[in-house]
Each structure stands twice: as structure tokens, then as C-alpha cells.
Amino acid sequence: MDTARNRDVARRLYALINEARVDQVADLISPDYQEHDPLPGQGSGREGAVDRFSMITTALAPHFTIEDLIAENDLVVVRWANVGTHVGAFAGIPATGRTFTIAGIDIYRVADEQLCEHWHVIDQLGMLGQLGLLPQGAAA
């Protein structure tokens, strides 16, 4: 395992997402890519992963900052911050035009310099709140 190359694959992914160059993401994705937390409507394999990143970039205009990048064996862990704007429909929710800042952690399994598998944890509740999409409680 070349952990330096695995880290570089992850860095390239986030750079492409930040530049909205999703057309080039397919080169980093294994044909049999496994997503363990798919977005609504996301397909499987390489095509599903490219669709995922396309949905994210067109609807949320993200800019990821890598806070930590850790690689061991065939796994790469990326702790990130994301500042974005809800500019398009996402998961059936019309654009709000609001900005958000959230944190998250992605874990990728890498083989032959391609992303093969993905797990993640993100602050969905914080994002929904910042976008004004949580129900408001009754006035006291």
C-alpha cells in the first residue's frame, strides 16, 4: 500500500469538487465503487458516485477545506469543513439561496489509485438548521 498515493487521490477528489469539475471525478472512481450512505436517487458504482458529486456541486456549491487527512493501509480518512450555498434543488428540497458551514468526516477505501468504497458522517442537522429547513417550535 502506498499511503502517500492514496492521500493524493483524496486530495484530487476534493480539488475537483471545489472546482466543480465533476466530469473528471470518474477517473478517480473504481467501476465497482460502493457507497454506504447514498443520496436519494443515487445509483451504484462509478456512475452513481459521479452522480452524487454532480448533485452536490450543482445544488450546494460547496467549498471543502481539508482539516485532517490520515491514511493507513488502504483507508483514507478526511476530516473537512464545507462552506456552501443551497443554489439548486437537493434531495427534493428547492434551493433556499442560504449559505451553510458544516463539518464532516469521509472514509475511503482506495485500491489501484481509485476510490472503491465510502462511508461518512456529516452535520446534517446543522446544515438543515442553517438553511431554514427545520420546523420552528411554538412561541413561548
Protein backbone atom coordinates (compact mmCIF):
# COMPACT_ATOMS: atom_id res chain seq x y z
CA MET A 1 0.00 0.00 0.00
CA ASP A 2 1.28 3.42 -0.89
CA THR A 3 -0.45 5.67 1.62
CA ALA A 4 1.02 8.82 0.04
CA ARG A 5 -0.65 7.97 -3.29
CA ASN A 6 -3.91 7.16 -1.50
CA ARG A 7 -3.85 10.57 0.21
CA ASP A 8 -3.20 12.21 -3.18
CA VAL A 9 -6.28 10.53 -4.67
CA ALA A 10 -8.41 12.01 -1.87
CA ARG A 11 -6.84 15.45 -2.27
CA ARG A 12 -7.54 15.37 -6.03
CA LEU A 13 -11.19 14.46 -5.38
CA TYR A 14 -11.78 17.48 -3.14
CA ALA A 15 -9.93 19.79 -5.54
CA LEU A 16 -12.15 18.63 -8.41
CA ILE A 17 -15.30 19.09 -6.31
CA ASN A 18 -14.21 22.59 -5.26
CA GLU A 19 -13.64 23.48 -8.91
CA ALA A 20 -16.96 21.82 -9.96
CA ARG A 21 -15.01 19.63 -12.41
CA VAL A 22 -17.19 16.59 -11.83
CA ASP A 23 -16.53 15.36 -15.38
CA GLN A 24 -13.02 14.43 -14.21
CA VAL A 25 -14.09 12.69 -10.99
CA ALA A 26 -14.82 9.43 -12.84
CA ASP A 27 -11.08 8.88 -13.31
CA LEU A 28 -10.71 8.58 -9.52
CA ILE A 29 -13.60 6.15 -9.01
CA SER A 30 -13.49 2.37 -9.28
CA PRO A 31 -16.14 0.82 -11.57
CA ASP A 32 -17.44 -1.25 -8.63
CA TYR A 33 -17.47 1.67 -6.15
CA GLN A 34 -19.58 1.01 -3.04
CA GLU A 35 -21.41 3.88 -1.33
CA HIS A 36 -22.53 3.09 2.21
CA ASP A 37 -24.67 6.22 2.61
CA PRO A 38 -26.16 7.04 -0.81
CA LEU A 39 -28.04 10.25 -1.51
CA PRO A 40 -31.70 9.92 -2.52
CA GLY A 41 -31.76 8.79 -6.13
CA GLN A 42 -28.06 7.94 -6.25
CA GLY A 43 -27.22 4.91 -8.36
CA SER A 44 -24.44 2.43 -7.74
CA GLY A 45 -20.88 2.01 -8.95
CA ARG A 46 -18.77 4.66 -10.66
CA GLU A 47 -21.78 6.23 -12.38
CA GLY A 48 -23.63 6.58 -9.07
CA ALA A 49 -20.61 8.22 -7.43
CA VAL A 50 -20.26 10.71 -10.28
CA ASP A 51 -23.99 11.47 -9.98
CA ARG A 52 -23.51 12.04 -6.25
CA PHE A 53 -20.75 14.59 -6.76
CA SER A 54 -22.73 16.23 -9.55
CA MET A 55 -25.78 16.59 -7.27
CA ILE A 56 -23.61 18.08 -4.52
CA THR A 57 -21.79 20.57 -6.74
CA THR A 58 -24.83 21.78 -8.69
CA ALA A 59 -27.18 22.09 -5.72
CA LEU A 60 -24.89 23.09 -2.86
CA ALA A 61 -21.97 24.99 -4.48
CA PRO A 62 -19.56 23.56 -1.91
CA HIS A 63 -16.05 24.55 -0.99
CA PHE A 64 -14.29 21.93 1.09
CA THR A 65 -11.29 22.62 3.28
CA ILE A 66 -9.37 19.53 4.32
CA GLU A 67 -8.66 19.84 8.04
CA ASP A 68 -7.00 16.42 8.51
CA LEU A 69 -6.00 13.67 6.11
CA ILE A 70 -4.97 10.32 7.56
CA ALA A 71 -4.04 7.21 5.61
CA GLU A 72 -3.35 3.71 6.83
CA ASN A 73 -3.21 0.59 4.69
CA ASP A 74 -5.96 1.01 2.07
CA LEU A 75 -8.06 3.53 4.04
CA VAL A 76 -8.01 7.33 3.86
CA VAL A 77 -9.84 9.44 6.43
CA VAL A 78 -10.62 13.05 5.56
CA ARG A 79 -11.92 15.47 8.19
CA TRP A 80 -13.26 18.52 6.41
CA ALA A 81 -15.15 21.79 6.71
CA ASN A 82 -17.57 22.76 3.96
CA VAL A 83 -18.92 26.21 3.20
CA GLY A 84 -21.62 26.17 0.57
CA THR A 85 -24.74 27.81 -0.76
CA HIS A 86 -28.00 26.00 -1.48
CA VAL A 87 -28.33 27.12 -5.10
CA GLY A 88 -30.33 24.23 -6.60
CA ALA A 89 -32.84 21.55 -5.66
CA PHE A 90 -31.25 18.90 -3.44
CA ALA A 91 -32.97 15.71 -2.28
CA GLY A 92 -36.28 17.17 -3.40
CA ILE A 93 -35.77 20.41 -1.47
CA PRO A 94 -35.93 23.57 -3.60
CA ALA A 95 -32.99 25.99 -3.38
CA THR A 96 -33.11 28.35 -0.41
CA GLY A 97 -30.24 30.60 -1.51
CA ARG A 98 -28.85 30.37 2.02
CA THR A 99 -25.27 29.59 2.92
CA PHE A 100 -24.11 26.98 5.39
CA THR A 101 -20.94 25.83 7.11
CA ILE A 102 -20.70 22.23 8.24
CA ALA A 103 -18.08 19.70 9.27
CA GLY A 104 -17.77 16.10 8.28
CA ILE A 105 -15.58 13.04 8.03
CA ASP A 106 -15.22 10.83 4.97
CA ILE A 107 -13.57 7.43 4.95
CA TYR A 108 -12.50 5.96 1.63
CA ARG A 109 -11.05 2.58 0.73
CA VAL A 110 -8.54 3.02 -2.08
CA ALA A 111 -7.17 0.38 -4.45
CA ASP A 112 -5.04 0.91 -7.56
CA GLU A 113 -5.26 4.68 -7.05
CA GLN A 114 -9.06 4.65 -7.27
CA LEU A 115 -11.73 5.22 -4.64
CA CYS A 116 -13.52 1.89 -4.09
CA GLU A 117 -15.70 2.39 -1.03
CA HIS A 118 -17.04 5.32 1.03
CA TRP A 119 -18.52 5.97 4.46
CA HIS A 120 -19.19 9.37 6.01
CA VAL A 121 -20.57 11.34 8.92
CA ILE A 122 -21.75 14.92 8.41
CA ASP A 123 -23.61 17.53 10.43
CA GLN A 124 -26.93 17.21 8.58
CA LEU A 125 -28.92 18.75 11.41
CA GLY A 126 -26.68 21.81 11.49
CA MET A 127 -26.97 22.18 7.72
CA LEU A 128 -30.77 21.90 7.75
CA GLY A 129 -30.97 24.50 10.52
CA GLN A 130 -28.73 26.96 8.66
CA LEU A 131 -30.84 26.50 5.53
CA GLY A 132 -34.02 27.26 7.50
CA LEU A 133 -35.44 23.79 6.82
CA LEU A 134 -36.19 22.69 10.38
CA PRO A 135 -39.69 23.12 11.81
CA GLN A 136 -39.93 26.06 14.17
CA GLY A 137 -41.34 25.48 17.67
CA ALA A 138 -44.38 27.28 19.01
CA ALA A 139 -43.77 30.68 20.62
CA ALA A 140 -43.39 30.56 24.40
